[in-house]
PDB file of N, CA and C in Angstrom:
ATOM      1  N   UNK A   1      86.857  88.292  76.102  1.00  0.00           N
ATOM      2  CA  UNK A   1      88.076  87.543  76.395  1.00  0.00           C
ATOM      3  C   UNK A   1      88.069  87.141  77.862  1.00  0.00           C
ATOM      4  N   UNK A   2      88.523  85.943  78.100  1.00  0.00           N
ATOM      5  CA  UNK A   2      88.731  85.470  79.460  1.00  0.00           C
ATOM      6  C   UNK A   2      90.137  85.936  79.880  1.00  0.00           C
ATOM      7  N   UNK A   3      90.162  86.974  80.687  1.00  0.00           N
ATOM      8  CA  UNK A   3      91.435  87.592  81.077  1.00  0.00           C
ATOM      9  C   UNK A   3      92.328  86.600  81.821  1.00  0.00           C
ATOM     10  N   UNK A   4      91.729  85.776  82.655  1.00  0.00           N
ATOM     11  CA  UNK A   4      92.511  84.791  83.415  1.00  0.00           C
ATOM     12  C   UNK A   4      93.143  83.755  82.481  1.00  0.00           C
ATOM     13  N   UNK A   5      92.396  83.310  81.496  1.00  0.00           N
ATOM     14  CA  UNK A   5      92.932  82.359  80.515  1.00  0.00           C
ATOM     15  C   UNK A   5      94.077  82.991  79.736  1.00  0.00           C
ATOM     16  N   UNK A   6      93.893  84.218  79.293  1.00  0.00           N
ATOM     17  CA  UNK A   6      94.947  84.927  78.571  1.00  0.00           C
ATOM     18  C   UNK A   6      96.211  85.021  79.426  1.00  0.00           C
ATOM     19  N   UNK A   7      96.037  85.325  80.679  1.00  0.00           N
ATOM     20  CA  UNK A   7      97.169  85.423  81.608  1.00  0.00           C
ATOM     21  C   UNK A   7      97.860  84.065  81.777  1.00  0.00           C
ATOM     22  N   UNK A   8      97.086  83.005  81.902  1.00  0.00           N
ATOM     23  CA  UNK A   8      97.669  81.661  82.051  1.00  0.00           C
ATOM     24  C   UNK A   8      98.510  81.286  80.834  1.00  0.00           C
ATOM     25  N   UNK A   9      98.031  81.643  79.652  1.00  0.00           N
ATOM     26  CA  UNK A   9      98.794  81.343  78.444  1.00  0.00           C
ATOM     27  C   UNK A   9     100.101  82.137  78.447  1.00  0.00           C
ATOM     28  N   UNK A  10     100.007  83.426  78.701  1.00  0.00           N
ATOM     29  CA  UNK A  10     101.198  84.289  78.687  1.00  0.00           C
ATOM     30  C   UNK A  10     102.223  83.897  79.755  1.00  0.00           C
ATOM     31  N   UNK A  11     101.758  83.442  80.891  1.00  0.00           N
ATOM     32  CA  UNK A  11     102.665  83.133  82.002  1.00  0.00           C
ATOM     33  C   UNK A  11     103.080  81.665  82.044  1.00  0.00           C
ATOM     34  N   UNK A  12     102.666  80.902  81.050  1.00  0.00           N
ATOM     35  CA  UNK A  12     102.979  79.471  81.039  1.00  0.00           C
ATOM     36  C   UNK A  12     104.486  79.223  81.096  1.00  0.00           C
ATOM     37  N   UNK A  13     104.861  78.280  81.920  1.00  0.00           N
ATOM     38  CA  UNK A  13     106.238  77.795  82.014  1.00  0.00           C
ATOM     39  C   UNK A  13     106.185  76.267  81.909  1.00  0.00           C
ATOM     40  N   UNK A  14     106.946  75.687  81.015  1.00  0.00           N
ATOM     41  CA  UNK A  14     106.920  74.225  80.918  1.00  0.00           C
ATOM     42  C   UNK A  14     107.471  73.583  82.193  1.00  0.00           C
ATOM     43  N   UNK A  15     106.798  72.545  82.634  1.00  0.00           N
ATOM     44  CA  UNK A  15     107.243  71.810  83.817  1.00  0.00           C
ATOM     45  C   UNK A  15     108.169  70.695  83.364  1.00  0.00           C
ATOM     46  N   UNK A  16     109.416  70.765  83.780  1.00  0.00           N
ATOM     47  CA  UNK A  16     110.419  69.771  83.378  1.00  0.00           C
ATOM     48  C   UNK A  16     110.468  69.607  81.862  1.00  0.00           C
ATOM     49  N   UNK A  17     110.348  70.729  81.151  1.00  0.00           N
ATOM     50  CA  UNK A  17     110.415  70.703  79.697  1.00  0.00           C
ATOM     51  C   UNK A  17     109.162  70.184  79.013  1.00  0.00           C
ATOM     52  N   UNK A  18     108.085  69.997  79.764  1.00  0.00           N
ATOM     53  CA  UNK A  18     106.844  69.455  79.205  1.00  0.00           C
ATOM     54  C   UNK A  18     105.824  70.582  78.990  1.00  0.00           C
ATOM     55  N   UNK A  19     105.290  70.640  77.793  1.00  0.00           N
ATOM     56  CA  UNK A  19     104.351  71.692  77.401  1.00  0.00           C
ATOM     57  C   UNK A  19     102.899  71.212  77.376  1.00  0.00           C
ATOM     58  N   UNK A  20     102.639  69.968  77.720  1.00  0.00           N
ATOM     59  CA  UNK A  20     101.301  69.388  77.557  1.00  0.00           C
ATOM     60  C   UNK A  20     100.215  70.174  78.285  1.00  0.00           C
ATOM     61  N   UNK A  21     100.530  70.811  79.406  1.00  0.00           N
ATOM     62  CA  UNK A  21      99.526  71.576  80.158  1.00  0.00           C
ATOM     63  C   UNK A  21      99.077  72.822  79.397  1.00  0.00           C
ATOM     64  N   UNK A  22      99.812  73.218  78.373  1.00  0.00           N
ATOM     65  CA  UNK A  22      99.453  74.385  77.581  1.00  0.00           C
ATOM     66  C   UNK A  22      98.371  74.059  76.555  1.00  0.00           C
ATOM     67  N   UNK A  23      98.318  72.825  76.115  1.00  0.00           N
ATOM     68  CA  UNK A  23      97.372  72.451  75.061  1.00  0.00           C
ATOM     69  C   UNK A  23      95.913  72.725  75.434  1.00  0.00           C
ATOM     70  N   UNK A  24      95.438  72.337  76.620  1.00  0.00           N
ATOM     71  CA  UNK A  24      94.040  72.657  76.940  1.00  0.00           C
ATOM     72  C   UNK A  24      93.779  74.166  77.023  1.00  0.00           C
ATOM     73  N   UNK A  25      94.792  74.940  77.365  1.00  0.00           N
ATOM     74  CA  UNK A  25      94.633  76.397  77.393  1.00  0.00           C
ATOM     75  C   UNK A  25      94.452  76.935  75.979  1.00  0.00           C
ATOM     76  N   UNK A  26      95.268  76.447  75.048  1.00  0.00           N
ATOM     77  CA  UNK A  26      95.121  76.838  73.648  1.00  0.00           C
ATOM     78  C   UNK A  26      93.733  76.446  73.135  1.00  0.00           C
ATOM     79  N   UNK A  27      93.314  75.227  73.426  1.00  0.00           N
ATOM     80  CA  UNK A  27      92.015  74.746  72.942  1.00  0.00           C
ATOM     81  C   UNK A  27      90.866  75.569  73.514  1.00  0.00           C
ATOM     82  N   UNK A  28      90.959  75.908  74.782  1.00  0.00           N
ATOM     83  CA  UNK A  28      89.917  76.736  75.396  1.00  0.00           C
ATOM     84  C   UNK A  28      89.872  78.114  74.737  1.00  0.00           C
ATOM     85  N   UNK A  29      91.022  78.703  74.498  1.00  0.00           N
ATOM     86  CA  UNK A  29      91.079  80.012  73.849  1.00  0.00           C
ATOM     87  C   UNK A  29      90.492  79.947  72.441  1.00  0.00           C
ATOM     88  N   UNK A  30      90.815  78.904  71.713  1.00  0.00           N
ATOM     89  CA  UNK A  30      90.324  78.764  70.340  1.00  0.00           C
ATOM     90  C   UNK A  30      88.829  78.475  70.288  1.00  0.00           C
ATOM     91  N   UNK A  31      88.270  77.951  71.368  1.00  0.00           N
ATOM     92  CA  UNK A  31      86.833  77.681  71.442  1.00  0.00           C
ATOM     93  C   UNK A  31      86.044  78.908  71.900  1.00  0.00           C
ATOM     94  N   UNK A  32      86.727  79.962  72.304  1.00  0.00           N
ATOM     95  CA  UNK A  32      86.087  81.201  72.759  1.00  0.00           C
ATOM     96  C   UNK A  32      85.290  81.817  71.601  1.00  0.00           C
ATOM     97  N   UNK A  33      84.316  82.653  71.940  1.00  0.00           N
ATOM     98  CA  UNK A  33      83.512  83.294  70.904  1.00  0.00           C
ATOM     99  C   UNK A  33      84.348  84.202  70.006  1.00  0.00           C
ATOM    100  N   UNK A  34      85.476  84.703  70.514  1.00  0.00           N
ATOM    101  CA  UNK A  34      86.381  85.512  69.699  1.00  0.00           C
ATOM    102  C   UNK A  34      87.825  85.080  69.962  1.00  0.00           C
ATOM    103  N   UNK A  35      88.234  83.964  69.360  1.00  0.00           N
ATOM    104  CA  UNK A  35      89.583  83.459  69.613  1.00  0.00           C
ATOM    105  C   UNK A  35      90.693  84.408  69.177  1.00  0.00           C
ATOM    106  N   UNK A  36      90.390  85.338  68.293  1.00  0.00           N
ATOM    107  CA  UNK A  36      91.403  86.284  67.822  1.00  0.00           C
ATOM    108  C   UNK A  36      91.979  87.112  68.968  1.00  0.00           C
ATOM    109  N   UNK A  37      91.213  87.268  70.016  1.00  0.00           N
ATOM    110  CA  UNK A  37      91.683  88.050  71.159  1.00  0.00           C
ATOM    111  C   UNK A  37      92.869  87.401  71.873  1.00  0.00           C
ATOM    112  N   UNK A  38      93.122  86.136  71.600  1.00  0.00           N
ATOM    113  CA  UNK A  38      94.216  85.400  72.244  1.00  0.00           C
ATOM    114  C   UNK A  38      95.455  85.299  71.359  1.00  0.00           C
ATOM    115  N   UNK A  39      95.371  85.757  70.118  1.00  0.00           N
ATOM    116  CA  UNK A  39      96.491  85.615  69.194  1.00  0.00           C
ATOM    117  C   UNK A  39      97.773  86.225  69.745  1.00  0.00           C
ATOM    118  N   UNK A  40      97.681  87.380  70.349  1.00  0.00           N
ATOM    119  CA  UNK A  40      98.895  88.010  70.876  1.00  0.00           C
ATOM    120  C   UNK A  40      99.549  87.131  71.939  1.00  0.00           C
ATOM    121  N   UNK A  41      98.748  86.481  72.762  1.00  0.00           N
ATOM    122  CA  UNK A  41      99.292  85.571  73.777  1.00  0.00           C
ATOM    123  C   UNK A  41      99.961  84.372  73.111  1.00  0.00           C
ATOM    124  N   UNK A  42      99.358  83.858  72.040  1.00  0.00           N
ATOM    125  CA  UNK A  42      99.954  82.727  71.321  1.00  0.00           C
ATOM    126  C   UNK A  42     101.325  83.125  70.773  1.00  0.00           C
ATOM    127  N   UNK A  43     101.365  84.268  70.110  1.00  0.00           N
ATOM    128  CA  UNK A  43     102.637  84.704  69.539  1.00  0.00           C
ATOM    129  C   UNK A  43     103.656  85.026  70.631  1.00  0.00           C
ATOM    130  N   UNK A  44     103.188  85.516  71.756  1.00  0.00           N
ATOM    131  CA  UNK A  44     104.084  85.779  72.892  1.00  0.00           C
ATOM    132  C   UNK A  44     104.773  84.481  73.322  1.00  0.00           C
ATOM    133  N   UNK A  45     104.016  83.402  73.403  1.00  0.00           N
ATOM    134  CA  UNK A  45     104.595  82.092  73.768  1.00  0.00           C
ATOM    135  C   UNK A  45     105.602  81.647  72.712  1.00  0.00           C
ATOM    136  N   UNK A  46     105.261  81.809  71.442  1.00  0.00           N
ATOM    137  CA  UNK A  46     106.197  81.431  70.379  1.00  0.00           C
ATOM    138  C   UNK A  46     107.508  82.201  70.535  1.00  0.00           C
ATOM    139  N   UNK A  47     107.414  83.466  70.903  1.00  0.00           N
ATOM    140  CA  UNK A  47     108.614  84.292  71.068  1.00  0.00           C
ATOM    141  C   UNK A  47     109.402  83.892  72.319  1.00  0.00           C
ATOM    142  N   UNK A  48     108.729  83.439  73.347  1.00  0.00           N
ATOM    143  CA  UNK A  48     109.416  83.026  74.577  1.00  0.00           C
ATOM    144  C   UNK A  48     110.211  81.742  74.381  1.00  0.00           C
ATOM    145  N   UNK A  49     109.743  80.899  73.462  1.00  0.00           N
ATOM    146  CA  UNK A  49     110.397  79.615  73.190  1.00  0.00           C
ATOM    147  C   UNK A  49     110.669  79.529  71.679  1.00  0.00           C
ATOM    148  N   UNK A  50     111.585  80.363  71.179  1.00  0.00           N
ATOM    149  CA  UNK A  50     111.752  80.520  69.730  1.00  0.00           C
ATOM    150  C   UNK A  50     112.303  79.312  68.987  1.00  0.00           C
ATOM    151  N   UNK A  51     112.978  78.430  69.681  1.00  0.00           N
ATOM    152  CA  UNK A  51     113.588  77.278  69.018  1.00  0.00           C
ATOM    153  C   UNK A  51     112.841  75.991  69.322  1.00  0.00           C
ATOM    154  N   UNK A  52     111.555  76.122  69.531  1.00  0.00           N
ATOM    155  CA  UNK A  52     110.773  74.992  70.011  1.00  0.00           C
ATOM    156  C   UNK A  52     109.392  74.983  69.358  1.00  0.00           C
ATOM    157  N   UNK A  53     108.773  73.815  69.340  1.00  0.00           N
ATOM    158  CA  UNK A  53     107.371  73.727  68.942  1.00  0.00           C
ATOM    159  C   UNK A  53     106.530  73.206  70.100  1.00  0.00           C
ATOM    160  N   UNK A  54     107.105  73.289  71.309  1.00  0.00           N
ATOM    161  CA  UNK A  54     106.374  72.881  72.502  1.00  0.00           C
ATOM    162  C   UNK A  54     105.954  71.427  72.475  1.00  0.00           C
ATOM    163  N   UNK A  55     106.848  70.567  72.016  1.00  0.00           N
ATOM    164  CA  UNK A  55     106.532  69.136  71.882  1.00  0.00           C
ATOM    165  C   UNK A  55     105.293  68.922  71.021  1.00  0.00           C
ATOM    166  N   UNK A  56     105.116  69.792  70.025  1.00  0.00           N
ATOM    167  CA  UNK A  56     103.974  69.693  69.122  1.00  0.00           C
ATOM    168  C   UNK A  56     102.759  70.491  69.575  1.00  0.00           C
ATOM    169  N   UNK A  57     102.750  70.952  70.803  1.00  0.00           N
ATOM    170  CA  UNK A  57     101.603  71.672  71.355  1.00  0.00           C
ATOM    171  C   UNK A  57     101.392  73.018  70.657  1.00  0.00           C
ATOM    172  N   UNK A  58     102.466  73.673  70.254  1.00  0.00           N
ATOM    173  CA  UNK A  58     102.322  74.987  69.609  1.00  0.00           C
ATOM    174  C   UNK A  58     101.525  74.891  68.311  1.00  0.00           C
ATOM    175  N   UNK A  59     101.543  73.704  67.687  1.00  0.00           N
ATOM    176  CA  UNK A  59     100.789  73.520  66.447  1.00  0.00           C
ATOM    177  C   UNK A  59      99.289  73.662  66.679  1.00  0.00           C
ATOM    178  N   UNK A  60      98.825  73.388  67.892  1.00  0.00           N
ATOM    179  CA  UNK A  60      97.410  73.581  68.206  1.00  0.00           C
ATOM    180  C   UNK A  60      97.036  75.041  68.001  1.00  0.00           C
ATOM    181  N   UNK A  61      97.872  75.946  68.517  1.00  0.00           N
ATOM    182  CA  UNK A  61      97.619  77.382  68.353  1.00  0.00           C
ATOM    183  C   UNK A  61      97.764  77.792  66.892  1.00  0.00           C
ATOM    184  N   UNK A  62      98.818  77.331  66.251  1.00  0.00           N
ATOM    185  CA  UNK A  62      99.063  77.683  64.857  1.00  0.00           C
ATOM    186  C   UNK A  62      97.917  77.218  63.958  1.00  0.00           C
ATOM    187  N   UNK A  63      97.552  75.952  64.062  1.00  0.00           N
ATOM    188  CA  UNK A  63      96.467  75.411  63.248  1.00  0.00           C
ATOM    189  C   UNK A  63      95.151  76.127  63.541  1.00  0.00           C
ATOM    190  N   UNK A  64      94.918  76.420  64.814  1.00  0.00           N
ATOM    191  CA  UNK A  64      93.698  77.121  65.199  1.00  0.00           C
ATOM    192  C   UNK A  64      93.627  78.510  64.598  1.00  0.00           C
ATOM    193  N   UNK A  65      94.743  79.242  64.638  1.00  0.00           N
ATOM    194  CA  UNK A  65      94.756  80.577  64.039  1.00  0.00           C
ATOM    195  C   UNK A  65      94.522  80.495  62.535  1.00  0.00           C
ATOM    196  N   UNK A  66      95.106  79.494  61.897  1.00  0.00           N
ATOM    197  CA  UNK A  66      94.917  79.341  60.459  1.00  0.00           C
ATOM    198  C   UNK A  66      93.454  79.043  60.125  1.00  0.00           C
ATOM    199  N   UNK A  67      92.775  78.285  60.972  1.00  0.00           N
ATOM    200  CA  UNK A  67      91.355  77.993  60.743  1.00  0.00           C
ATOM    201  C   UNK A  67      90.491  79.225  60.947  1.00  0.00           C
ATOM    202  N   UNK A  68      90.757  79.978  62.002  1.00  0.00           N
ATOM    203  CA  UNK A  68      89.958  81.161  62.319  1.00  0.00           C
ATOM    204  C   UNK A  68      90.275  82.299  61.357  1.00  0.00           C
ATOM    205  N   UNK A  69      91.568  82.464  61.036  1.00  0.00           N
ATOM    206  CA  UNK A  69      92.001  83.497  60.114  1.00  0.00           C
ATOM    207  C   UNK A  69      92.309  84.823  60.793  1.00  0.00           C
ATOM    208  N   UNK A  70      92.666  85.794  59.980  1.00  0.00           N
ATOM    209  CA  UNK A  70      92.948  87.161  60.415  1.00  0.00           C
ATOM    210  C   UNK A  70      94.090  87.232  61.432  1.00  0.00           C
ATOM    211  N   UNK A  71      95.149  86.483  61.167  1.00  0.00           N
ATOM    212  CA  UNK A  71      96.308  86.442  62.063  1.00  0.00           C
ATOM    213  C   UNK A  71      97.565  87.006  61.411  1.00  0.00           C
ATOM    214  N   UNK A  72      97.506  87.266  60.099  1.00  0.00           N
ATOM    215  CA  UNK A  72      98.703  87.561  59.331  1.00  0.00           C
ATOM    216  C   UNK A  72      99.468  88.780  59.828  1.00  0.00           C
ATOM    217  N   UNK A  73      98.774  89.844  60.171  1.00  0.00           N
ATOM    218  CA  UNK A  73      99.464  91.053  60.624  1.00  0.00           C
ATOM    219  C   UNK A  73     100.213  90.797  61.934  1.00  0.00           C
ATOM    220  N   UNK A  74      99.573  90.110  62.873  1.00  0.00           N
ATOM    221  CA  UNK A  74     100.241  89.790  64.143  1.00  0.00           C
ATOM    222  C   UNK A  74     101.396  88.822  63.917  1.00  0.00           C
ATOM    223  N   UNK A  75     101.235  87.908  62.973  1.00  0.00           N
ATOM    224  CA  UNK A  75     102.316  86.987  62.618  1.00  0.00           C
ATOM    225  C   UNK A  75     103.526  87.774  62.121  1.00  0.00           C
ATOM    226  N   UNK A  76     103.283  88.718  61.244  1.00  0.00           N
ATOM    227  CA  UNK A  76     104.366  89.543  60.709  1.00  0.00           C
ATOM    228  C   UNK A  76     105.067  90.310  61.829  1.00  0.00           C
ATOM    229  N   UNK A  77     104.297  90.953  62.693  1.00  0.00           N
ATOM    230  CA  UNK A  77     104.892  91.713  63.798  1.00  0.00           C
ATOM    231  C   UNK A  77     105.723  90.803  64.700  1.00  0.00           C
ATOM    232  N   UNK A  78     105.194  89.626  65.003  1.00  0.00           N
ATOM    233  CA  UNK A  78     105.911  88.695  65.872  1.00  0.00           C
ATOM    234  C   UNK A  78     107.206  88.238  65.218  1.00  0.00           C
ATOM    235  N   UNK A  79     107.135  87.884  63.943  1.00  0.00           N
ATOM    236  CA  UNK A  79     108.321  87.422  63.235  1.00  0.00           C
ATOM    237  C   UNK A  79     109.381  88.515  63.166  1.00  0.00           C
ATOM    238  N   UNK A  80     108.963  89.735  62.897  1.00  0.00           N
ATOM    239  CA  UNK A  80     109.916  90.843  62.808  1.00  0.00           C
ATOM    240  C   UNK A  80     110.508  91.193  64.169  1.00  0.00           C
ATOM    241  N   UNK A  81     109.724  91.042  65.210  1.00  0.00           N
ATOM    242  CA  UNK A  81     110.185  91.361  66.562  1.00  0.00           C
ATOM    243  C   UNK A  81     111.155  90.294  67.070  1.00  0.00           C
ATOM    244  N   UNK A  82     110.782  89.030  66.868  1.00  0.00           N
ATOM    245  CA  UNK A  82     111.584  87.928  67.393  1.00  0.00           C
ATOM    246  C   UNK A  82     111.260  86.657  66.614  1.00  0.00           C
ATOM    247  N   UNK A  83     111.975  86.414  65.519  1.00  0.00           N
ATOM    248  CA  UNK A  83     111.683  85.231  64.706  1.00  0.00           C
ATOM    249  C   UNK A  83     111.749  83.953  65.539  1.00  0.00           C
ATOM    250  N   UNK A  84     110.820  83.072  65.267  1.00  0.00           N
ATOM    251  CA  UNK A  84     110.799  81.797  65.989  1.00  0.00           C
ATOM    252  C   UNK A  84     110.524  80.663  65.010  1.00  0.00           C
ATOM    253  N   UNK A  85     110.747  79.463  65.471  1.00  0.00           N
ATOM    254  CA  UNK A  85     110.475  78.280  64.655  1.00  0.00           C
ATOM    255  C   UNK A  85     109.018  78.286  64.181  1.00  0.00           C
ATOM    256  N   UNK A  86     108.101  78.648  65.076  1.00  0.00           N
ATOM    257  CA  UNK A  86     106.686  78.599  64.737  1.00  0.00           C
ATOM    258  C   UNK A  86     106.280  79.712  63.778  1.00  0.00           C
ATOM    259  N   UNK A  87     106.768  80.923  64.000  1.00  0.00           N
ATOM    260  CA  UNK A  87     106.374  81.998  63.083  1.00  0.00           C
ATOM    261  C   UNK A  87     106.970  81.770  61.695  1.00  0.00           C
ATOM    262  N   UNK A  88     108.169  81.215  61.641  1.00  0.00           N
ATOM    263  CA  UNK A  88     108.760  80.884  60.342  1.00  0.00           C
ATOM    264  C   UNK A  88     107.931  79.798  59.652  1.00  0.00           C
ATOM    265  N   UNK A  89     107.513  78.795  60.407  1.00  0.00           N
ATOM    266  CA  UNK A  89     106.691  77.728  59.831  1.00  0.00           C
ATOM    267  C   UNK A  89     105.360  78.277  59.328  1.00  0.00           C
ATOM    268  N   UNK A  90     104.766  79.190  60.084  1.00  0.00           N
ATOM    269  CA  UNK A  90     103.487  79.776  59.665  1.00  0.00           C
ATOM    270  C   UNK A  90     103.654  80.621  58.404  1.00  0.00           C
ATOM    271  N   UNK A  91     104.723  81.378  58.323  1.00  0.00           N
ATOM    272  CA  UNK A  91     104.981  82.163  57.112  1.00  0.00           C
ATOM    273  C   UNK A  91     105.212  81.243  55.915  1.00  0.00           C
ATOM    274  N   UNK A  92     105.952  80.173  56.113  1.00  0.00           N
ATOM    275  CA  UNK A  92     106.202  79.206  55.046  1.00  0.00           C
ATOM    276  C   UNK A  92     104.899  78.584  54.564  1.00  0.00           C
ATOM    277  N   UNK A  93     104.038  78.235  55.505  1.00  0.00           N
ATOM    278  CA  UNK A  93     102.748  77.640  55.131  1.00  0.00           C
ATOM    279  C   UNK A  93     101.890  78.640  54.356  1.00  0.00           C
ATOM    280  N   UNK A  94     101.905  79.896  54.787  1.00  0.00           N
ATOM    281  CA  UNK A  94     101.176  80.934  54.045  1.00  0.00           C
ATOM    282  C   UNK A  94     101.705  81.024  52.616  1.00  0.00           C
ATOM    283  N   UNK A  95     103.013  81.112  52.501  1.00  0.00           N
ATOM    284  CA  UNK A  95     103.655  81.238  51.190  1.00  0.00           C
ATOM    285  C   UNK A  95     103.319  80.034  50.302  1.00  0.00           C
ATOM    286  N   UNK A  96     103.391  78.848  50.878  1.00  0.00           N
ATOM    287  CA  UNK A  96     103.109  77.632  50.117  1.00  0.00           C
ATOM    288  C   UNK A  96     101.643  77.515  49.710  1.00  0.00           C
ATOM    289  N   UNK A  97     100.768  78.255  50.414  1.00  0.00           N
ATOM    290  CA  UNK A  97      99.340  78.225  50.066  1.00  0.00           C
ATOM    291  C   UNK A  97      98.999  79.276  49.007  1.00  0.00           C
ATOM    292  N   UNK A  98     100.010  80.025  48.546  1.00  0.00           N
ATOM    293  CA  UNK A  98      99.790  80.992  47.486  1.00  0.00           C
ATOM    294  C   UNK A  98      99.759  82.446  47.933  1.00  0.00           C
ATOM    295  N   UNK A  99      99.937  82.690  49.215  1.00  0.00           N
ATOM    296  CA  UNK A  99      99.988  84.063  49.728  1.00  0.00           C
ATOM    297  C   UNK A  99     101.433  84.532  49.601  1.00  0.00           C
ATOM    298  N   UNK A 100     101.652  85.609  48.867  1.00  0.00           N
ATOM    299  CA  UNK A 100     103.032  86.048  48.688  1.00  0.00           C
ATOM    300  C   UNK A 100     103.399  87.270  49.516  1.00  0.00           C
ATOM    301  N   UNK A 101     102.387  87.958  50.084  1.00  0.00           N
ATOM    302  CA  UNK A 101     102.669  89.148  50.890  1.00  0.00           C
ATOM    303  C   UNK A 101     101.795  89.177  52.139  1.00  0.00           C
ATOM    304  N   UNK A 102     102.335  89.790  53.166  1.00  0.00           N
ATOM    305  CA  UNK A 102     101.550  90.165  54.336  1.00  0.00           C
ATOM    306  C   UNK A 102     101.612  91.686  54.351  1.00  0.00           C
ATOM    307  N   UNK A 103     100.478  92.309  54.087  1.00  0.00           N
ATOM    308  CA  UNK A 103     100.478  93.754  53.888  1.00  0.00           C
ATOM    309  C   UNK A 103     101.286  94.057  52.646  1.00  0.00           C
ATOM    310  N   UNK A 104     102.338  94.848  52.809  1.00  0.00           N
ATOM    311  CA  UNK A 104     103.205  95.180  51.670  1.00  0.00           C
ATOM    312  C   UNK A 104     104.530  94.427  51.710  1.00  0.00           C
ATOM    313  N   UNK A 105     104.686  93.543  52.684  1.00  0.00           N
ATOM    314  CA  UNK A 105     105.944  92.820  52.873  1.00  0.00           C
ATOM    315  C   UNK A 105     105.892  91.462  52.172  1.00  0.00           C
ATOM    316  N   UNK A 106     106.850  91.220  51.304  1.00  0.00           N
ATOM    317  CA  UNK A 106     106.946  89.936  50.607  1.00  0.00           C
ATOM    318  C   UNK A 106     107.392  88.855  51.585  1.00  0.00           C
ATOM    319  N   UNK A 107     106.631  87.795  51.664  1.00  0.00           N
ATOM    320  CA  UNK A 107     106.967  86.696  52.578  1.00  0.00           C
ATOM    321  C   UNK A 107     108.322  86.100  52.226  1.00  0.00           C
ATOM    322  N   UNK A 108     108.591  85.924  50.943  1.00  0.00           N
ATOM    323  CA  UNK A 108     109.861  85.331  50.534  1.00  0.00           C
ATOM    324  C   UNK A 108     111.038  86.135  51.064  1.00  0.00           C
ATOM    325  N   UNK A 109     110.926  87.458  51.074  1.00  0.00           N
ATOM    326  CA  UNK A 109     112.035  88.289  51.579  1.00  0.00           C
ATOM    327  C   UNK A 109     112.252  88.058  53.074  1.00  0.00           C
ATOM    328  N   UNK A 110     111.191  87.784  53.805  1.00  0.00           N
ATOM    329  CA  UNK A 110     111.323  87.486  55.234  1.00  0.00           C
ATOM    330  C   UNK A 110     112.016  86.142  55.436  1.00  0.00           C
ATOM    331  N   UNK A 111     111.617  85.182  54.647  1.00  0.00           N
ATOM    332  CA  UNK A 111     112.172  83.834  54.792  1.00  0.00           C
ATOM    333  C   UNK A 111     113.610  83.749  54.313  1.00  0.00           C
ATOM    334  N   UNK A 112     113.997  84.625  53.381  1.00  0.00           N
ATOM    335  CA  UNK A 112     115.359  84.622  52.875  1.00  0.00           C
ATOM    336  C   UNK A 112     116.356  85.218  53.858  1.00  0.00           C
ATOM    337  N   UNK A 113     115.876  86.094  54.736  1.00  0.00           N
ATOM    338  CA  UNK A 113     116.788  86.779  55.681  1.00  0.00           C
ATOM    339  C   UNK A 113     117.321  85.863  56.713  1.00  0.00           C
TER     340      UNK A 113
END
């Protein structure tokens, strides 16, 4: 993991409400030999801006995690800790793709709450 990159993602602050500077950070993390190491930072950003999709930039992280895989447990923890627009969207997409549980937790029960 590139510790400096991870830190930049976690400490990101939108400039005048603009998230575009975050997109190259997400792309760099997803291009890493082990992008899974950045998932916690991605979810941290989603939790910091729960009612936002970062002007579409957050979808870069979401789509990237879906391509790489093995994000479901962290998604569940993030959603339970602090539900956000992005974690709800990711759970909905999982459910719509035929996944009904994350671990032992029914996705539908999370979305109904």
